[in-house]
Amino acid sequence: MATVTIDGKEYSLDDLSDNAKGQLTALRMCDQKVQNLQREIAIIQTARATYAKGLAASLPGDDGEGEDSAAES
């Protein structure tokens, strides 16, 4: 018998109404979407940090020249 725990209380899936089963399915889909978006955010944050590091490396430094400055002149 499959069960689900909601707010600390265990329920048999067979005892849930069709409406409750539908709500549970929608809730699970939302949880999956949130997890996927959190993974996507982590990927984007990593890419952003890489771009920021690349930008910092290409800016003029204390010596007045960045890595890409000579190529652009």
N, C-alpha and C. Protein backbone atom coordinates (compact mmCIF):
# COMPACT_ATOMS: atom_id res chain seq x y z
N MET A 1 0.85 -1.18 0.00
CA MET A 1 0.00 0.00 0.00
C MET A 1 0.89 1.24 0.00
N ALA A 2 0.74 2.07 -0.99
CA ALA A 2 1.54 3.30 -1.11
C ALA A 2 0.97 4.36 -0.17
N THR A 3 1.90 5.08 0.45
CA THR A 3 1.48 6.15 1.36
C THR A 3 2.21 7.43 1.02
N VAL A 4 1.68 8.52 1.54
CA VAL A 4 2.30 9.83 1.41
C VAL A 4 2.19 10.50 2.77
N THR A 5 3.24 11.24 3.14
CA THR A 5 3.23 11.97 4.41
C THR A 5 3.03 13.45 4.12
N ILE A 6 2.01 14.02 4.71
CA ILE A 6 1.68 15.43 4.52
C ILE A 6 1.55 16.06 5.89
N ASP A 7 2.36 17.08 6.12
CA ASP A 7 2.36 17.78 7.41
C ASP A 7 2.53 16.82 8.58
N GLY A 8 3.42 15.84 8.38
CA GLY A 8 3.75 14.91 9.45
C GLY A 8 2.75 13.77 9.64
N LYS A 9 1.72 13.73 8.83
CA LYS A 9 0.71 12.67 8.95
C LYS A 9 0.74 11.80 7.71
N GLU A 10 0.71 10.49 7.91
CA GLU A 10 0.78 9.54 6.81
C GLU A 10 -0.62 9.19 6.30
N TYR A 11 -0.76 9.20 4.96
CA TYR A 11 -2.04 8.88 4.32
C TYR A 11 -1.82 7.78 3.29
N SER A 12 -2.77 6.90 3.18
CA SER A 12 -2.77 5.91 2.11
C SER A 12 -3.24 6.61 0.83
N LEU A 13 -2.53 6.38 -0.25
CA LEU A 13 -2.95 7.00 -1.51
C LEU A 13 -4.33 6.51 -1.93
N ASP A 14 -4.64 5.29 -1.58
CA ASP A 14 -5.96 4.74 -1.94
C ASP A 14 -7.09 5.47 -1.23
N ASP A 15 -6.79 6.07 -0.07
CA ASP A 15 -7.82 6.76 0.71
C ASP A 15 -8.02 8.21 0.27
N LEU A 16 -7.14 8.72 -0.58
CA LEU A 16 -7.27 10.12 -1.02
C LEU A 16 -8.33 10.25 -2.10
N SER A 17 -9.03 11.37 -2.06
CA SER A 17 -10.01 11.65 -3.11
C SER A 17 -9.28 11.94 -4.42
N ASP A 18 -10.02 11.90 -5.51
CA ASP A 18 -9.42 12.23 -6.81
C ASP A 18 -8.89 13.66 -6.80
N ASN A 19 -9.61 14.56 -6.14
CA ASN A 19 -9.16 15.94 -6.04
C ASN A 19 -7.83 16.02 -5.28
N ALA A 20 -7.74 15.31 -4.15
CA ALA A 20 -6.50 15.32 -3.36
C ALA A 20 -5.35 14.71 -4.16
N LYS A 21 -5.62 13.65 -4.90
CA LYS A 21 -4.58 13.04 -5.74
C LYS A 21 -4.11 14.02 -6.82
N GLY A 22 -5.04 14.75 -7.39
CA GLY A 22 -4.69 15.76 -8.39
C GLY A 22 -3.85 16.87 -7.79
N GLN A 23 -4.22 17.31 -6.60
CA GLN A 23 -3.46 18.36 -5.91
C GLN A 23 -2.06 17.85 -5.57
N LEU A 24 -1.95 16.60 -5.15
CA LEU A 24 -0.66 16.01 -4.83
C LEU A 24 0.22 15.92 -6.07
N THR A 25 -0.36 15.53 -7.18
CA THR A 25 0.39 15.47 -8.44
C THR A 25 0.89 16.85 -8.84
N ALA A 26 0.03 17.86 -8.72
CA ALA A 26 0.43 19.23 -9.05
C ALA A 26 1.52 19.72 -8.11
N LEU A 27 1.41 19.39 -6.84
CA LEU A 27 2.43 19.77 -5.86
C LEU A 27 3.77 19.15 -6.20
N ARG A 28 3.76 17.88 -6.55
CA ARG A 28 5.01 17.19 -6.92
C ARG A 28 5.62 17.80 -8.18
N MET A 29 4.77 18.16 -9.13
CA MET A 29 5.27 18.81 -10.35
C MET A 29 5.91 20.15 -10.02
N CYS A 30 5.30 20.90 -9.12
CA CYS A 30 5.86 22.18 -8.70
C CYS A 30 7.21 21.98 -8.02
N ASP A 31 7.30 20.97 -7.15
CA ASP A 31 8.56 20.68 -6.47
C ASP A 31 9.66 20.33 -7.48
N GLN A 32 9.33 19.54 -8.48
CA GLN A 32 10.30 19.19 -9.52
C GLN A 32 10.74 20.42 -10.30
N LYS A 33 9.80 21.29 -10.61
CA LYS A 33 10.12 22.51 -11.35
C LYS A 33 11.05 23.40 -10.53
N VAL A 34 10.77 23.52 -9.23
CA VAL A 34 11.63 24.32 -8.35
C VAL A 34 13.04 23.73 -8.33
N GLN A 35 13.17 22.42 -8.22
CA GLN A 35 14.48 21.78 -8.22
C GLN A 35 15.21 22.03 -9.53
N ASN A 36 14.50 21.91 -10.65
CA ASN A 36 15.11 22.17 -11.96
C ASN A 36 15.57 23.62 -12.07
N LEU A 37 14.75 24.54 -11.60
CA LEU A 37 15.12 25.96 -11.66
C LEU A 37 16.30 26.26 -10.74
N GLN A 38 16.37 25.60 -9.59
CA GLN A 38 17.51 25.80 -8.69
C GLN A 38 18.79 25.31 -9.34
N ARG A 39 18.72 24.18 -10.05
CA ARG A 39 19.90 23.69 -10.78
C ARG A 39 20.29 24.68 -11.88
N GLU A 40 19.29 25.20 -12.59
CA GLU A 40 19.56 26.16 -13.65
C GLU A 40 20.17 27.45 -13.08
N ILE A 41 19.68 27.91 -11.94
CA ILE A 41 20.25 29.09 -11.28
C ILE A 41 21.71 28.85 -10.94
N ALA A 42 22.02 27.66 -10.41
CA ALA A 42 23.40 27.34 -10.05
C ALA A 42 24.30 27.38 -11.29
N ILE A 43 23.81 26.87 -12.40
CA ILE A 43 24.58 26.89 -13.65
C ILE A 43 24.80 28.33 -14.11
N ILE A 44 23.76 29.13 -14.07
CA ILE A 44 23.85 30.53 -14.51
C ILE A 44 24.76 31.33 -13.59
N GLN A 45 24.69 31.07 -12.29
CA GLN A 45 25.56 31.78 -11.35
C GLN A 45 27.03 31.42 -11.60
N THR A 46 27.29 30.17 -11.93
CA THR A 46 28.65 29.75 -12.26
C THR A 46 29.13 30.46 -13.52
N ALA A 47 28.29 30.49 -14.54
CA ALA A 47 28.64 31.18 -15.78
C ALA A 47 28.87 32.67 -15.52
N ARG A 48 28.02 33.27 -14.72
CA ARG A 48 28.16 34.70 -14.41
C ARG A 48 29.48 34.98 -13.73
N ALA A 49 29.85 34.13 -12.77
CA ALA A 49 31.12 34.31 -12.07
C ALA A 49 32.30 34.20 -13.03
N THR A 50 32.18 33.28 -13.99
CA THR A 50 33.24 33.12 -15.00
C THR A 50 33.33 34.35 -15.88
N TYR A 51 32.18 34.87 -16.31
CA TYR A 51 32.18 36.09 -17.12
C TYR A 51 32.74 37.27 -16.33
N ALA A 52 32.37 37.39 -15.07
CA ALA A 52 32.87 38.49 -14.25
C ALA A 52 34.38 38.40 -14.08
N LYS A 53 34.88 37.19 -13.90
CA LYS A 53 36.33 36.99 -13.77
C LYS A 53 37.03 37.36 -15.08
N GLY A 54 36.44 36.93 -16.20
CA GLY A 54 37.00 37.28 -17.50
C GLY A 54 36.99 38.78 -17.75
N LEU A 55 35.91 39.44 -17.34
CA LEU A 55 35.83 40.89 -17.48
C LEU A 55 36.90 41.56 -16.64
N ALA A 56 37.03 41.13 -15.40
CA ALA A 56 38.03 41.73 -14.52
C ALA A 56 39.43 41.56 -15.09
N ALA A 57 39.69 40.41 -15.70
CA ALA A 57 41.01 40.16 -16.28
C ALA A 57 41.26 41.01 -17.52
N SER A 58 40.21 41.44 -18.19
CA SER A 58 40.38 42.21 -19.42
C SER A 58 40.37 43.72 -19.18
N LEU A 59 40.09 44.14 -17.96
CA LEU A 59 40.09 45.57 -17.64
C LEU A 59 41.51 46.06 -17.41
N PRO A 60 41.73 47.33 -17.67
CA PRO A 60 43.06 47.87 -17.38
C PRO A 60 43.40 47.65 -15.90
N GLY A 61 44.60 47.18 -15.65
CA GLY A 61 45.03 46.92 -14.28
C GLY A 61 45.78 48.11 -13.72
N ASP A 62 46.50 47.86 -12.66
CA ASP A 62 47.28 48.92 -12.02
C ASP A 62 48.33 49.48 -12.96
N ASP A 63 48.78 48.67 -13.92
CA ASP A 63 49.77 49.15 -14.88
C ASP A 63 49.13 49.89 -16.05
N GLY A 64 47.79 49.97 -16.04
CA GLY A 64 47.08 50.74 -17.05
C GLY A 64 46.72 49.94 -18.28
N GLU A 65 47.07 48.68 -18.33
CA GLU A 65 46.77 47.86 -19.50
C GLU A 65 46.12 46.55 -19.07
N GLY A 66 45.08 46.14 -19.77
CA GLY A 66 44.46 44.84 -19.56
C GLY A 66 45.03 43.84 -20.53
N GLU A 67 44.68 42.59 -20.40
CA GLU A 67 45.20 41.53 -21.30
C GLU A 67 44.81 41.79 -22.73
N ASP A 68 43.60 42.29 -22.97
CA ASP A 68 43.10 42.45 -24.32
C ASP A 68 43.41 43.81 -24.91
N SER A 69 44.00 44.71 -24.15
CA SER A 69 44.22 46.08 -24.60
C SER A 69 45.12 46.12 -25.83
N ALA A 70 46.16 45.34 -25.87
CA ALA A 70 47.10 45.36 -27.00
C ALA A 70 46.41 44.89 -28.27
N ALA A 71 45.55 43.91 -28.15
CA ALA A 71 44.85 43.38 -29.32
C ALA A 71 43.86 44.38 -29.88
N GLU A 72 43.33 45.25 -29.04
CA GLU A 72 42.33 46.21 -29.48
C GLU A 72 42.97 47.48 -30.03
N SER A 73 44.23 47.71 -29.79
CA SER A 73 44.89 48.95 -30.24
C SER A 73 45.17 48.93 -31.70
